[in-house]
Amino acid sequence: MWEPDGKPPRELADALRDIRRPAGLSGDRLAARCAMSQCKISRIETGRVLPSVDEVERILAALEVPGEVAREITALARRANVQYQSWRTYAQKGLWRRQAELKMLADSSRVVRQFLPAIPSGLLQTERYARAALQPSVPSDSVWDVEKAVRARTERQETLWDEERSFSFVLTEQAVRWRYASAEIMAEQCRHMAELAQRPNVDLAVIPLSAEVVAAPLHVFVIYDERLVTVEMLSGGVALREPQDISYYLDLFAKFRQSALAGSDAVHLLELVAHGFMRERD
């Protein structure tokens, strides 16, 4: 899971709690020294909130922790705030479990932003498209059961119908056009996205091939509220929680969004691409 429930976050919470007690400071007094609330200190020490590296450094300074110990805890904070998982890990667990984890992340967020340079999000995929897209990457290992993964991916989409949550998708035109399936399935996928783009809680934008962009669209990234960014690479994924990292990706997402067609313009482009695929089929 990308959420702060792994070994480094737990170790960090334990370490911060253990160094405060010998110092003889109450949670209230430490909070005052760090310009934090006592409630936040408590949530950090119990592992319910993952502190940023900056917050950890403020706590260490307030407790006057010796240099070597402070460096060890700061390094632990950095590991806790940046997690990497390889696709081999997902393969061992089963791809369907990864879909369940992603659903939990979306269900726990009010605003989800996704930048998609090469393929539509699983939240946007039809069942037939998802099956075709997953098939080439699935080895013979039985834990990577395609049908189970497709069902889990389809279940993820239930969160789109919760209008208390909002979803913003920015795709490149290449992501829309790249052939992962037959022309018929591709046309169906484009029409499906055009329909979803008209939902009140969905903002779907497409960067046309002719657009000038501010940065190279190298990786898929997803922003959950303003608390977590996941970046997908060929070898695996990275989770970022540092405020500076989140701010960077929020700004990058906004800039890509400015280069994109949205609303009726995006729907029109998707319908044109769908029509093109249907002509190919004929």
Protein backbone atom coordinates (compact mmCIF):
# COMPACT_ATOMS: atom_id res chain seq x y z
CA MET A 1 0.00 0.00 0.00
CA TRP A 2 1.03 3.55 -0.64
CA GLU A 3 -0.56 4.79 2.55
CA PRO A 4 1.72 5.41 5.56
CA ASP A 5 1.36 1.96 7.10
CA GLY A 6 4.67 0.39 6.08
CA LYS A 7 7.76 -0.35 8.15
CA PRO A 8 9.59 3.03 7.82
CA PRO A 9 6.54 5.10 8.94
CA ARG A 10 5.96 2.83 11.95
CA GLU A 11 9.63 2.97 12.90
CA LEU A 12 9.57 6.76 12.60
CA ALA A 13 6.55 7.08 14.90
CA ASP A 14 8.19 4.80 17.47
CA ALA A 15 11.51 6.68 17.29
CA LEU A 16 9.91 10.09 17.79
CA ARG A 17 7.87 8.86 20.73
CA ASP A 18 10.88 7.18 22.32
CA ILE A 19 13.11 10.26 22.15
CA ARG A 20 10.51 12.61 23.67
CA ARG A 21 9.93 10.64 26.86
CA PRO A 22 13.54 10.70 28.17
CA ALA A 23 13.64 14.43 27.40
CA GLY A 24 10.90 14.98 29.98
CA LEU A 25 8.73 17.09 27.68
CA SER A 26 4.98 16.66 27.57
CA GLY A 27 3.22 16.57 24.24
CA ASP A 28 1.87 20.07 24.94
CA ARG A 29 5.30 21.57 25.61
CA LEU A 30 6.85 19.88 22.57
CA ALA A 31 3.98 21.12 20.40
CA ALA A 32 4.55 24.69 21.60
CA ARG A 33 8.26 24.50 20.80
CA CYS A 34 7.58 23.11 17.31
CA ALA A 35 4.69 25.45 16.43
CA MET A 36 2.39 22.44 16.06
CA SER A 37 -0.78 21.41 17.85
CA GLN A 38 -0.65 18.87 20.67
CA CYS A 39 -3.15 16.81 18.68
CA LYS A 40 -0.73 16.62 15.75
CA ILE A 41 2.16 15.56 17.98
CA SER A 42 -0.04 12.79 19.37
CA ARG A 43 -1.09 11.65 15.90
CA ILE A 44 2.54 11.63 14.73
CA GLU A 45 3.67 9.54 17.71
CA THR A 46 0.86 7.02 17.26
CA GLY A 47 1.54 6.71 13.53
CA ARG A 48 -1.79 8.15 12.42
CA VAL A 49 -0.08 11.08 10.67
CA LEU A 50 3.16 10.88 8.71
CA PRO A 51 5.24 14.01 9.43
CA SER A 52 7.22 15.74 6.71
CA VAL A 53 11.01 15.81 6.92
CA ASP A 54 10.80 19.47 7.93
CA GLU A 55 8.44 18.67 10.80
CA VAL A 56 10.72 15.88 12.01
CA GLU A 57 13.69 18.24 11.96
CA ARG A 58 11.72 20.76 14.06
CA ILE A 59 10.88 18.07 16.61
CA LEU A 60 14.50 16.93 16.79
CA ALA A 61 15.70 20.51 17.27
CA ALA A 62 13.12 21.12 20.00
CA LEU A 63 14.25 17.99 21.84
CA GLU A 64 17.94 18.86 21.31
CA VAL A 65 18.62 15.38 19.95
CA PRO A 66 22.36 14.65 19.49
CA GLY A 67 23.73 14.90 15.96
CA GLU A 68 24.21 11.21 15.12
CA VAL A 69 20.78 10.19 16.43
CA ALA A 70 19.18 13.17 14.69
CA ARG A 71 20.77 12.17 11.39
CA GLU A 72 19.49 8.59 11.73
CA ILE A 73 15.93 9.73 12.45
CA THR A 74 16.03 12.30 9.65
CA ALA A 75 17.15 9.57 7.23
CA LEU A 76 14.26 7.41 8.45
CA ALA A 77 11.87 10.31 7.82
CA ARG A 78 13.15 10.66 4.26
CA ARG A 79 12.63 6.93 3.62
CA ALA A 80 9.13 7.10 5.07
CA ASN A 81 8.19 10.05 2.88
CA VAL A 82 9.42 8.47 -0.36
CA GLN A 83 8.42 4.86 -1.00
CA TYR A 84 9.28 2.74 -4.01
CA GLN A 85 7.58 -0.48 -5.07
CA SER A 86 8.70 -2.49 -8.07
CA TRP A 87 6.30 -4.14 -10.48
CA ARG A 88 7.80 -7.45 -9.33
CA THR A 89 6.21 -6.77 -5.94
CA TYR A 90 2.85 -6.27 -7.59
CA ALA A 91 3.34 -9.48 -9.58
CA GLN A 92 4.01 -11.44 -6.41
CA LYS A 93 0.93 -10.03 -4.66
CA GLY A 94 -1.33 -10.28 -7.70
CA LEU A 95 -2.29 -7.42 -9.99
CA TRP A 96 -5.87 -7.53 -8.72
CA ARG A 97 -4.61 -6.61 -5.24
CA ARG A 98 -2.97 -3.53 -6.72
CA GLN A 99 -6.35 -2.54 -8.18
CA ALA A 100 -7.92 -2.94 -4.73
CA GLU A 101 -5.22 -0.71 -3.21
CA LEU A 102 -5.83 1.98 -5.83
CA LYS A 103 -9.56 1.84 -5.11
CA MET A 104 -8.90 2.39 -1.41
CA LEU A 105 -6.74 5.42 -2.21
CA ALA A 106 -9.45 6.96 -4.40
CA ASP A 107 -12.16 6.16 -1.85
CA SER A 108 -10.18 7.98 0.85
CA SER A 109 -9.73 11.13 -1.28
CA ARG A 110 -12.01 14.04 -2.15
CA VAL A 111 -10.04 15.17 -5.20
CA VAL A 112 -8.05 12.87 -7.49
CA ARG A 113 -5.93 14.27 -10.33
CA GLN A 114 -4.36 11.97 -12.91
CA PHE A 115 -1.88 12.79 -15.67
CA LEU A 116 -1.89 10.09 -18.34
CA PRO A 117 0.69 10.40 -21.14
CA ALA A 118 0.45 6.89 -22.61
CA ILE A 119 -2.77 5.10 -21.64
CA PRO A 120 -6.15 6.02 -20.12
CA SER A 121 -6.58 5.49 -16.39
CA GLY A 122 -8.07 2.24 -15.17
CA LEU A 123 -10.92 4.42 -13.89
CA LEU A 124 -11.73 5.29 -17.50
CA GLN A 125 -11.30 1.92 -19.17
CA THR A 126 -14.04 -0.28 -20.57
CA GLU A 127 -13.93 -3.93 -19.62
CA ARG A 128 -12.80 -5.02 -23.09
CA TYR A 129 -10.12 -2.32 -23.28
CA ALA A 130 -8.84 -3.21 -19.78
CA ARG A 131 -8.58 -6.86 -20.74
CA ALA A 132 -6.59 -6.01 -23.86
CA ALA A 133 -4.35 -3.52 -22.06
CA LEU A 134 -3.53 -5.91 -19.21
CA GLN A 135 -2.93 -8.98 -21.34
CA PRO A 136 0.52 -8.14 -22.81
CA SER A 137 2.03 -7.36 -19.40
CA VAL A 138 0.76 -10.46 -17.62
CA PRO A 139 3.26 -13.33 -17.25
CA SER A 140 2.17 -16.94 -16.93
CA ASP A 141 2.30 -16.80 -13.12
CA SER A 142 -1.19 -17.61 -11.87
CA VAL A 143 -1.25 -14.75 -9.36
CA TRP A 144 -1.49 -12.40 -12.33
CA ASP A 145 -4.95 -13.61 -13.26
CA VAL A 146 -6.17 -11.34 -16.03
CA GLU A 147 -9.89 -11.80 -15.48
CA LYS A 148 -9.55 -11.21 -11.74
CA ALA A 149 -7.56 -8.04 -12.43
CA VAL A 150 -10.14 -6.85 -14.96
CA ARG A 151 -12.96 -7.38 -12.43
CA ALA A 152 -11.00 -5.50 -9.77
CA ARG A 153 -10.30 -2.66 -12.19
CA THR A 154 -14.01 -2.45 -13.05
CA GLU A 155 -14.91 -2.36 -9.35
CA ARG A 156 -12.52 0.58 -8.93
CA GLN A 157 -14.74 2.61 -11.23
CA GLU A 158 -17.61 2.59 -8.72
CA THR A 159 -15.95 5.54 -7.01
CA LEU A 160 -16.64 7.71 -10.09
CA TRP A 161 -20.35 7.60 -9.27
CA ASP A 162 -19.81 9.24 -5.89
CA GLU A 163 -20.46 12.88 -6.72
CA GLU A 164 -18.98 14.02 -3.41
CA ARG A 165 -15.61 13.24 -4.99
CA SER A 166 -14.12 15.00 -7.99
CA PHE A 167 -11.79 13.55 -10.60
CA SER A 168 -9.59 15.42 -13.03
CA PHE A 169 -7.91 13.51 -15.87
CA VAL A 170 -5.41 14.99 -18.30
CA LEU A 171 -4.52 12.67 -21.19
CA THR A 172 -2.28 13.24 -24.16
CA GLU A 173 -3.88 12.65 -27.56
CA GLN A 174 -1.33 9.87 -27.99
CA ALA A 175 -2.78 8.12 -24.93
CA VAL A 176 -6.19 8.26 -26.59
CA ARG A 177 -4.97 7.00 -29.98
CA TRP A 178 -2.33 4.41 -29.05
CA ARG A 179 -3.55 1.00 -30.18
CA TYR A 180 -3.87 -1.46 -27.31
CA ALA A 181 -6.76 -3.34 -28.91
CA SER A 182 -8.81 -3.75 -32.08
CA ALA A 183 -10.30 -0.72 -33.82
CA GLU A 184 -13.75 -1.65 -32.50
CA ILE A 185 -12.57 -1.77 -28.89
CA MET A 186 -10.59 1.46 -29.30
CA ALA A 187 -13.68 3.23 -30.69
CA GLU A 188 -15.75 1.92 -27.79
CA GLN A 189 -13.12 3.17 -25.35
CA CYS A 190 -13.13 6.68 -26.86
CA ARG A 191 -16.93 6.89 -26.76
CA HIS A 192 -16.90 5.69 -23.15
CA MET A 193 -14.47 8.46 -22.16
CA ALA A 194 -16.59 11.02 -24.02
CA GLU A 195 -19.58 9.95 -21.92
CA LEU A 196 -17.63 10.08 -18.65
CA ALA A 197 -16.33 13.55 -19.54
CA GLN A 198 -19.89 14.83 -19.24
CA ARG A 199 -20.35 13.68 -15.65
CA PRO A 200 -20.61 16.58 -13.16
CA ASN A 201 -17.74 15.34 -10.97
CA VAL A 202 -15.37 14.45 -13.84
CA ASP A 203 -13.06 16.88 -15.61
CA LEU A 204 -11.49 15.10 -18.58
CA ALA A 205 -9.03 17.03 -20.75
CA VAL A 206 -6.91 15.97 -23.72
CA ILE A 207 -3.65 17.61 -24.81
CA PRO A 208 -3.79 17.64 -28.64
CA LEU A 209 -0.76 16.65 -30.66
CA SER A 210 -0.51 20.25 -31.90
CA ALA A 211 -0.32 21.75 -28.40
CA GLU A 212 2.80 23.35 -26.99
CA VAL A 213 3.63 21.80 -23.62
CA VAL A 214 5.73 23.12 -20.76
CA ALA A 215 7.49 19.84 -19.93
CA ALA A 216 8.09 16.40 -21.38
CA PRO A 217 5.15 14.11 -20.49
CA LEU A 218 7.36 11.31 -19.20
CA HIS A 219 5.37 9.49 -16.52
CA VAL A 220 1.91 8.79 -15.23
CA PHE A 221 1.34 10.59 -11.94
CA VAL A 222 -1.66 10.74 -9.63
CA ILE A 223 -2.32 13.33 -6.92
CA TYR A 224 -4.60 12.36 -4.04
CA ASP A 225 -5.98 15.53 -2.45
CA GLU A 226 -2.83 17.38 -1.39
CA ARG A 227 -1.37 14.57 0.71
CA LEU A 228 0.11 12.02 -1.68
CA VAL A 229 1.55 11.76 -5.20
CA THR A 230 2.24 8.45 -6.91
CA VAL A 231 4.51 8.37 -9.96
CA GLU A 232 4.52 5.30 -12.21
CA MET A 233 7.65 4.28 -14.09
CA LEU A 234 8.52 1.27 -16.24
CA SER A 235 10.13 -0.56 -13.33
CA GLY A 236 7.71 0.37 -10.55
CA GLY A 237 6.13 3.24 -8.68
CA VAL A 238 7.20 5.96 -6.25
CA ALA A 239 5.03 7.54 -3.56
CA LEU A 240 5.83 11.11 -2.49
CA ARG A 241 4.45 12.87 0.58
CA GLU A 242 6.78 15.83 1.08
CA PRO A 243 4.81 19.12 0.71
CA GLN A 244 7.42 20.48 -1.73
CA ASP A 245 7.03 17.42 -3.98
CA ILE A 246 3.25 17.58 -3.86
CA SER A 247 3.31 21.30 -4.67
CA TYR A 248 5.60 20.63 -7.65
CA TYR A 249 3.26 18.03 -9.12
CA LEU A 250 0.17 20.16 -8.48
CA ASP A 251 1.82 22.97 -10.43
CA LEU A 252 2.91 20.61 -13.22
CA PHE A 253 -0.59 19.16 -13.48
CA ALA A 254 -2.10 22.64 -13.74
CA LYS A 255 0.31 23.55 -16.53
CA PHE A 256 -0.48 20.39 -18.51
CA ARG A 257 -4.18 21.09 -17.95
CA GLN A 258 -3.76 24.57 -19.47
CA SER A 259 -2.42 23.00 -22.68
CA ALA A 260 -5.39 20.64 -22.98
CA LEU A 261 -8.80 20.70 -24.61
CA ALA A 262 -11.59 20.33 -22.06
CA GLY A 263 -15.36 20.21 -21.89
CA SER A 264 -17.14 19.99 -25.23
CA ASP A 265 -13.83 20.41 -27.09
CA ALA A 266 -12.41 17.27 -25.43
CA VAL A 267 -15.65 15.37 -26.09
CA HIS A 268 -15.53 16.42 -29.75
CA LEU A 269 -11.93 15.21 -30.11
CA LEU A 270 -12.77 11.86 -28.50
CA GLU A 271 -15.73 11.41 -30.82
CA LEU A 272 -13.57 12.23 -33.85
CA VAL A 273 -10.98 9.65 -32.80
CA ALA A 274 -13.73 7.08 -32.21
CA HIS A 275 -15.11 7.77 -35.68
CA GLY A 276 -11.63 7.29 -37.14
CA PHE A 277 -11.28 3.90 -35.46
CA MET A 278 -14.71 2.85 -36.75
CA ARG A 279 -13.67 3.75 -40.29
CA GLU A 280 -10.57 1.59 -39.83
CA ARG A 281 -12.79 -1.30 -38.83
CA ASP A 282 -14.86 -0.89 -41.98
